[in-house]
């Protein structure tokens, strides 16, 4: 793990970055579907994905290398999407294939993107 990066030595900051990424994804989704942006509404949309993020953090032991793209970021991203969709399905929320594709792409950009940026900055 590179030293001196913004989140690499601070797991709490990396966890916060992941939570913010998921909340941004959910907020954008609610806005694009004119569902209204309220705390309760965003929380209702976000909880399955945040649960997946938490499982990913535990599975990857992300506190060890929180800003690592692989395997940490990949495990967190996959857990966020897979568990998020399974929980949405279990609660009769939408899991249309188009949503799964968009959710996978957007969360990949967000959850893997900040890690790639941190890695690129650390190399400079």
N, C-alpha and C. Protein backbone atom coordinates (compact mmCIF):
# COMPACT_ATOMS: atom_id res chain seq x y z
N UNK A 1 0.84 -1.17 0.00
CA UNK A 1 0.00 0.00 0.00
C UNK A 1 0.89 1.24 0.00
N UNK A 2 0.63 2.18 -0.90
CA UNK A 2 1.42 3.40 -0.94
C UNK A 2 1.20 4.22 0.33
N UNK A 3 2.28 4.78 0.82
CA UNK A 3 2.18 5.63 1.99
C UNK A 3 1.85 7.06 1.56
N UNK A 4 1.16 7.77 2.41
CA UNK A 4 0.90 9.18 2.16
C UNK A 4 -0.33 9.45 1.31
N UNK A 5 -1.07 8.40 0.90
CA UNK A 5 -2.26 8.70 0.13
C UNK A 5 -3.37 9.14 1.07
N UNK A 6 -4.42 9.68 0.49
CA UNK A 6 -5.47 10.32 1.28
C UNK A 6 -6.21 9.34 2.18
N UNK A 7 -6.36 8.10 1.75
CA UNK A 7 -7.15 7.16 2.53
C UNK A 7 -6.41 5.87 2.85
N UNK A 8 -5.28 5.63 2.22
CA UNK A 8 -4.58 4.37 2.37
C UNK A 8 -4.18 4.03 3.78
N UNK A 9 -3.83 5.02 4.55
CA UNK A 9 -3.44 4.76 5.93
C UNK A 9 -4.58 5.07 6.90
N UNK A 10 -5.75 5.41 6.36
CA UNK A 10 -6.89 5.77 7.21
C UNK A 10 -8.13 5.02 6.75
N UNK A 11 -8.34 3.84 7.29
CA UNK A 11 -9.50 3.04 6.88
C UNK A 11 -10.83 3.77 7.05
N UNK A 12 -10.97 4.57 8.09
CA UNK A 12 -12.24 5.27 8.31
C UNK A 12 -12.54 6.22 7.15
N UNK A 13 -11.52 6.89 6.64
CA UNK A 13 -11.72 7.79 5.51
C UNK A 13 -12.10 7.01 4.26
N UNK A 14 -11.51 5.85 4.06
CA UNK A 14 -11.84 5.02 2.90
C UNK A 14 -13.27 4.48 3.01
N UNK A 15 -13.65 4.05 4.21
CA UNK A 15 -15.02 3.58 4.42
C UNK A 15 -16.01 4.71 4.14
N UNK A 16 -15.70 5.89 4.63
CA UNK A 16 -16.55 7.05 4.37
C UNK A 16 -16.64 7.33 2.87
N UNK A 17 -15.53 7.23 2.16
CA UNK A 17 -15.54 7.43 0.71
C UNK A 17 -16.46 6.43 0.04
N UNK A 18 -16.42 5.17 0.46
CA UNK A 18 -17.29 4.15 -0.12
C UNK A 18 -18.76 4.44 0.18
N UNK A 19 -19.06 4.82 1.40
CA UNK A 19 -20.44 5.14 1.77
C UNK A 19 -20.93 6.32 0.95
N UNK A 20 -20.11 7.35 0.81
CA UNK A 20 -20.49 8.52 0.01
C UNK A 20 -20.73 8.10 -1.45
N UNK A 21 -19.89 7.23 -1.98
CA UNK A 21 -20.08 6.77 -3.36
C UNK A 21 -21.43 6.08 -3.53
N UNK A 22 -21.79 5.21 -2.60
CA UNK A 22 -23.07 4.51 -2.68
C UNK A 22 -24.22 5.51 -2.55
N UNK A 23 -24.10 6.46 -1.64
CA UNK A 23 -25.15 7.46 -1.47
C UNK A 23 -25.29 8.34 -2.70
N UNK A 24 -24.18 8.68 -3.33
CA UNK A 24 -24.22 9.46 -4.58
C UNK A 24 -24.95 8.67 -5.66
N UNK A 25 -24.59 7.40 -5.81
CA UNK A 25 -25.24 6.53 -6.78
C UNK A 25 -26.76 6.51 -6.55
N UNK A 26 -27.17 6.30 -5.32
CA UNK A 26 -28.60 6.21 -5.00
C UNK A 26 -29.31 7.55 -5.18
N UNK A 27 -28.66 8.62 -4.83
CA UNK A 27 -29.26 9.94 -4.99
C UNK A 27 -29.44 10.27 -6.46
N UNK A 28 -28.43 10.01 -7.27
CA UNK A 28 -28.54 10.25 -8.71
C UNK A 28 -29.66 9.39 -9.31
N UNK A 29 -29.73 8.15 -8.89
CA UNK A 29 -30.78 7.26 -9.38
C UNK A 29 -32.16 7.76 -9.03
N UNK A 30 -32.34 8.18 -7.81
CA UNK A 30 -33.65 8.69 -7.40
C UNK A 30 -34.00 9.95 -8.18
N UNK A 31 -33.03 10.81 -8.38
CA UNK A 31 -33.30 12.04 -9.13
C UNK A 31 -33.64 11.74 -10.59
N UNK A 32 -32.91 10.80 -11.19
CA UNK A 32 -33.16 10.51 -12.60
C UNK A 32 -34.52 9.84 -12.82
N UNK A 33 -35.08 9.26 -11.77
CA UNK A 33 -36.39 8.64 -11.87
C UNK A 33 -37.48 9.47 -11.19
N UNK A 34 -37.15 10.72 -10.88
CA UNK A 34 -38.09 11.67 -10.27
C UNK A 34 -38.76 11.08 -9.03
N UNK A 35 -37.97 10.40 -8.21
CA UNK A 35 -38.50 9.81 -6.99
C UNK A 35 -38.39 10.72 -5.79
N UNK A 36 -37.78 11.85 -5.95
CA UNK A 36 -37.62 12.76 -4.84
C UNK A 36 -36.38 12.44 -4.02
N UNK A 37 -35.71 13.48 -3.61
CA UNK A 37 -34.49 13.30 -2.83
C UNK A 37 -34.76 13.74 -1.41
N UNK A 38 -35.12 12.77 -0.58
CA UNK A 38 -35.30 13.00 0.85
C UNK A 38 -34.36 12.04 1.57
N UNK A 39 -34.08 12.33 2.80
CA UNK A 39 -33.21 11.45 3.59
C UNK A 39 -33.83 10.05 3.65
N UNK A 40 -35.12 9.98 3.93
CA UNK A 40 -35.79 8.69 4.03
C UNK A 40 -35.78 7.95 2.69
N UNK A 41 -36.00 8.66 1.62
CA UNK A 41 -36.02 8.04 0.29
C UNK A 41 -34.65 7.52 -0.11
N UNK A 42 -33.62 8.32 0.11
CA UNK A 42 -32.26 7.88 -0.22
C UNK A 42 -31.88 6.69 0.66
N UNK A 43 -32.24 6.74 1.93
CA UNK A 43 -31.94 5.62 2.84
C UNK A 43 -32.64 4.35 2.39
N UNK A 44 -33.87 4.46 1.95
CA UNK A 44 -34.63 3.29 1.48
C UNK A 44 -33.96 2.67 0.25
N UNK A 45 -33.46 3.51 -0.63
CA UNK A 45 -32.78 3.02 -1.83
C UNK A 45 -31.39 2.49 -1.50
N UNK A 46 -30.71 3.13 -0.58
CA UNK A 46 -29.29 2.84 -0.32
C UNK A 46 -29.04 1.65 0.60
N UNK A 47 -29.96 1.33 1.51
CA UNK A 47 -29.63 0.32 2.52
C UNK A 47 -29.19 -1.02 1.94
N UNK A 48 -29.80 -1.53 0.87
CA UNK A 48 -29.31 -2.83 0.38
C UNK A 48 -27.87 -2.74 -0.13
N UNK A 49 -27.55 -1.64 -0.80
CA UNK A 49 -26.21 -1.47 -1.34
C UNK A 49 -25.19 -1.19 -0.23
N UNK A 50 -25.59 -0.42 0.76
CA UNK A 50 -24.69 -0.17 1.89
C UNK A 50 -24.43 -1.45 2.68
N UNK A 51 -25.43 -2.31 2.78
CA UNK A 51 -25.24 -3.61 3.41
C UNK A 51 -24.20 -4.40 2.64
N UNK A 52 -24.33 -4.40 1.31
CA UNK A 52 -23.36 -5.08 0.46
C UNK A 52 -21.96 -4.50 0.62
N UNK A 53 -21.88 -3.19 0.74
CA UNK A 53 -20.59 -2.54 0.95
C UNK A 53 -19.96 -3.00 2.27
N UNK A 54 -20.77 -3.06 3.31
CA UNK A 54 -20.27 -3.51 4.62
C UNK A 54 -19.78 -4.95 4.56
N UNK A 55 -20.54 -5.81 3.89
CA UNK A 55 -20.12 -7.20 3.73
C UNK A 55 -18.81 -7.27 2.95
N UNK A 56 -18.70 -6.46 1.92
CA UNK A 56 -17.47 -6.41 1.13
C UNK A 56 -16.28 -5.97 1.96
N UNK A 57 -16.49 -5.00 2.82
CA UNK A 57 -15.41 -4.54 3.70
C UNK A 57 -14.94 -5.67 4.61
N UNK A 58 -15.88 -6.41 5.14
CA UNK A 58 -15.52 -7.53 6.02
C UNK A 58 -14.85 -8.65 5.23
N UNK A 59 -15.42 -8.99 4.09
CA UNK A 59 -14.87 -10.09 3.29
C UNK A 59 -13.45 -9.79 2.80
N UNK A 60 -13.22 -8.53 2.43
CA UNK A 60 -11.90 -8.14 1.92
C UNK A 60 -10.93 -7.76 3.02
N UNK A 61 -11.45 -7.68 4.25
CA UNK A 61 -10.64 -7.12 5.35
C UNK A 61 -10.02 -5.80 4.89
N UNK A 62 -10.90 -4.96 4.42
CA UNK A 62 -10.52 -3.73 3.73
C UNK A 62 -9.70 -2.78 4.59
N UNK A 63 -9.82 -2.89 5.89
CA UNK A 63 -9.06 -1.99 6.77
C UNK A 63 -7.56 -2.21 6.61
N UNK A 64 -7.15 -3.34 6.05
CA UNK A 64 -5.73 -3.61 5.85
C UNK A 64 -5.14 -2.81 4.70
N UNK A 65 -5.86 -2.74 3.58
CA UNK A 65 -5.44 -1.98 2.40
C UNK A 65 -6.67 -1.32 1.80
N UNK A 66 -7.22 -0.33 2.48
CA UNK A 66 -8.51 0.22 2.08
C UNK A 66 -8.53 0.88 0.70
N UNK A 67 -7.41 1.40 0.24
CA UNK A 67 -7.42 2.08 -1.06
C UNK A 67 -6.92 1.20 -2.20
N UNK A 68 -6.64 -0.08 -1.92
CA UNK A 68 -6.16 -0.99 -2.96
C UNK A 68 -7.29 -1.28 -3.94
N UNK A 69 -6.98 -1.13 -5.22
CA UNK A 69 -7.96 -1.43 -6.26
C UNK A 69 -8.29 -2.92 -6.27
N UNK A 70 -7.24 -3.74 -6.20
CA UNK A 70 -7.42 -5.20 -6.15
C UNK A 70 -6.58 -5.73 -5.00
N UNK A 71 -7.11 -6.58 -4.23
CA UNK A 71 -8.45 -7.14 -4.32
C UNK A 71 -9.52 -6.33 -3.60
N UNK A 72 -9.12 -5.41 -2.73
CA UNK A 72 -10.07 -4.71 -1.86
C UNK A 72 -11.22 -4.07 -2.63
N UNK A 73 -10.89 -3.20 -3.55
CA UNK A 73 -11.92 -2.47 -4.29
C UNK A 73 -12.84 -3.39 -5.07
N UNK A 74 -12.25 -4.41 -5.70
CA UNK A 74 -13.07 -5.34 -6.48
C UNK A 74 -14.04 -6.12 -5.60
N UNK A 75 -13.58 -6.57 -4.45
CA UNK A 75 -14.45 -7.32 -3.53
C UNK A 75 -15.57 -6.42 -3.03
N UNK A 76 -15.24 -5.20 -2.65
CA UNK A 76 -16.26 -4.27 -2.15
C UNK A 76 -17.27 -3.96 -3.25
N UNK A 77 -16.80 -3.69 -4.45
CA UNK A 77 -17.70 -3.38 -5.56
C UNK A 77 -18.64 -4.55 -5.86
N UNK A 78 -18.07 -5.75 -6.00
CA UNK A 78 -18.91 -6.92 -6.31
C UNK A 78 -19.91 -7.19 -5.19
N UNK A 79 -19.48 -7.08 -3.96
CA UNK A 79 -20.39 -7.29 -2.83
C UNK A 79 -21.50 -6.25 -2.81
N UNK A 80 -21.13 -5.01 -3.09
CA UNK A 80 -22.12 -3.93 -3.12
C UNK A 80 -23.21 -4.24 -4.13
N UNK A 81 -22.82 -4.64 -5.32
CA UNK A 81 -23.79 -4.90 -6.39
C UNK A 81 -24.56 -6.20 -6.13
N UNK A 82 -23.86 -7.28 -5.90
CA UNK A 82 -24.52 -8.58 -5.77
C UNK A 82 -25.44 -8.63 -4.55
N UNK A 83 -24.93 -8.26 -3.41
CA UNK A 83 -25.75 -8.30 -2.19
C UNK A 83 -26.86 -7.25 -2.27
N UNK A 84 -26.52 -6.08 -2.79
CA UNK A 84 -27.54 -5.05 -2.96
C UNK A 84 -28.70 -5.54 -3.81
N UNK A 85 -28.40 -6.19 -4.92
CA UNK A 85 -29.46 -6.69 -5.80
C UNK A 85 -30.23 -7.85 -5.16
N UNK A 86 -29.53 -8.74 -4.47
CA UNK A 86 -30.22 -9.83 -3.79
C UNK A 86 -31.18 -9.31 -2.72
N UNK A 87 -30.75 -8.31 -1.97
CA UNK A 87 -31.63 -7.72 -0.96
C UNK A 87 -32.79 -6.98 -1.59
N UNK A 88 -32.55 -6.30 -2.70
CA UNK A 88 -33.65 -5.63 -3.41
C UNK A 88 -34.65 -6.67 -3.91
N UNK A 89 -34.17 -7.75 -4.45
CA UNK A 89 -35.05 -8.83 -4.94
C UNK A 89 -35.85 -9.41 -3.78
N UNK A 90 -35.20 -9.64 -2.64
CA UNK A 90 -35.86 -10.22 -1.48
C UNK A 90 -36.95 -9.31 -0.91
N UNK A 91 -36.81 -8.00 -1.14
CA UNK A 91 -37.79 -7.05 -0.63
C UNK A 91 -38.71 -6.52 -1.73
N UNK A 92 -38.73 -7.22 -2.84
CA UNK A 92 -39.59 -6.89 -3.97
C UNK A 92 -39.31 -5.51 -4.58
N UNK A 93 -38.09 -5.05 -4.44
CA UNK A 93 -37.68 -3.81 -5.11
C UNK A 93 -37.19 -4.17 -6.52
N UNK A 94 -37.07 -3.19 -7.37
CA UNK A 94 -36.71 -3.44 -8.76
C UNK A 94 -35.32 -4.02 -8.95
N UNK A 95 -35.24 -5.03 -9.81
CA UNK A 95 -33.96 -5.62 -10.19
C UNK A 95 -33.94 -5.91 -11.70
N UNK A 96 -34.55 -5.05 -12.47
CA UNK A 96 -34.54 -5.22 -13.93
C UNK A 96 -33.11 -5.30 -14.42
N UNK A 97 -32.88 -6.07 -15.47
CA UNK A 97 -31.52 -6.25 -15.98
C UNK A 97 -30.87 -4.92 -16.34
N UNK A 98 -31.65 -3.99 -16.87
CA UNK A 98 -31.08 -2.68 -17.20
C UNK A 98 -30.60 -1.97 -15.93
N UNK A 99 -31.32 -2.12 -14.83
CA UNK A 99 -30.89 -1.52 -13.57
C UNK A 99 -29.63 -2.19 -13.05
N UNK A 100 -29.57 -3.51 -13.15
CA UNK A 100 -28.37 -4.23 -12.70
C UNK A 100 -27.14 -3.76 -13.48
N UNK A 101 -27.31 -3.60 -14.79
CA UNK A 101 -26.19 -3.15 -15.63
C UNK A 101 -25.77 -1.73 -15.25
N UNK A 102 -26.73 -0.83 -15.15
CA UNK A 102 -26.40 0.56 -14.80
C UNK A 102 -25.79 0.64 -13.40
N UNK A 103 -26.37 -0.08 -12.45
CA UNK A 103 -25.84 -0.08 -11.08
C UNK A 103 -24.42 -0.62 -11.05
N UNK A 104 -24.17 -1.67 -11.80
CA UNK A 104 -22.83 -2.25 -11.84
C UNK A 104 -21.82 -1.27 -12.41
N UNK A 105 -22.18 -0.62 -13.50
CA UNK A 105 -21.25 0.33 -14.14
C UNK A 105 -21.01 1.57 -13.28
N UNK A 106 -22.07 2.14 -12.76
CA UNK A 106 -21.92 3.37 -11.98
C UNK A 106 -21.17 3.10 -10.67
N UNK A 107 -21.51 2.02 -9.98
CA UNK A 107 -20.79 1.74 -8.74
C UNK A 107 -19.33 1.37 -9.01
N UNK A 108 -19.07 0.73 -10.15
CA UNK A 108 -17.67 0.44 -10.51
C UNK A 108 -16.90 1.73 -10.70
N UNK A 109 -17.49 2.67 -11.42
CA UNK A 109 -16.83 3.96 -11.65
C UNK A 109 -16.56 4.66 -10.32
N UNK A 110 -17.54 4.63 -9.44
CA UNK A 110 -17.39 5.34 -8.17
C UNK A 110 -16.46 4.62 -7.19
N UNK A 111 -16.75 3.35 -6.91
CA UNK A 111 -15.99 2.62 -5.88
C UNK A 111 -14.58 2.26 -6.34
N UNK A 112 -14.42 1.96 -7.61
CA UNK A 112 -13.08 1.65 -8.13
C UNK A 112 -12.37 2.92 -8.58
N UNK A 113 -13.14 3.89 -9.03
CA UNK A 113 -12.56 5.13 -9.54
C UNK A 113 -11.77 5.91 -8.52
N UNK A 114 -12.32 6.05 -7.31
CA UNK A 114 -11.56 6.82 -6.32
C UNK A 114 -10.29 6.08 -5.93
N UNK A 115 -10.35 4.76 -5.93
CA UNK A 115 -9.15 3.97 -5.60
C UNK A 115 -8.10 4.11 -6.71
N UNK A 116 -8.53 4.09 -7.95
CA UNK A 116 -7.60 4.27 -9.06
C UNK A 116 -6.98 5.66 -9.01
N UNK A 117 -7.76 6.67 -8.67
CA UNK A 117 -7.23 8.03 -8.56
C UNK A 117 -6.20 8.14 -7.43
N UNK A 118 -6.51 7.54 -6.29
CA UNK A 118 -5.57 7.56 -5.15
C UNK A 118 -4.28 6.85 -5.56
N UNK A 119 -4.39 5.73 -6.23
CA UNK A 119 -3.22 4.98 -6.67
C UNK A 119 -2.38 5.78 -7.65
N UNK A 120 -3.03 6.45 -8.59
CA UNK A 120 -2.32 7.26 -9.58
C UNK A 120 -1.60 8.43 -8.90
N UNK A 121 -2.28 9.06 -7.95
CA UNK A 121 -1.64 10.17 -7.25
C UNK A 121 -0.47 9.70 -6.40
N UNK A 122 -0.60 8.51 -5.81
CA UNK A 122 0.49 7.99 -4.98
C UNK A 122 1.73 7.66 -5.81
N UNK A 123 1.52 7.27 -7.06
CA UNK A 123 2.66 6.95 -7.94
C UNK A 123 3.41 8.19 -8.39
N UNK A 124 2.77 9.35 -8.36
CA UNK A 124 3.41 10.59 -8.84
C UNK A 124 4.39 11.11 -7.88
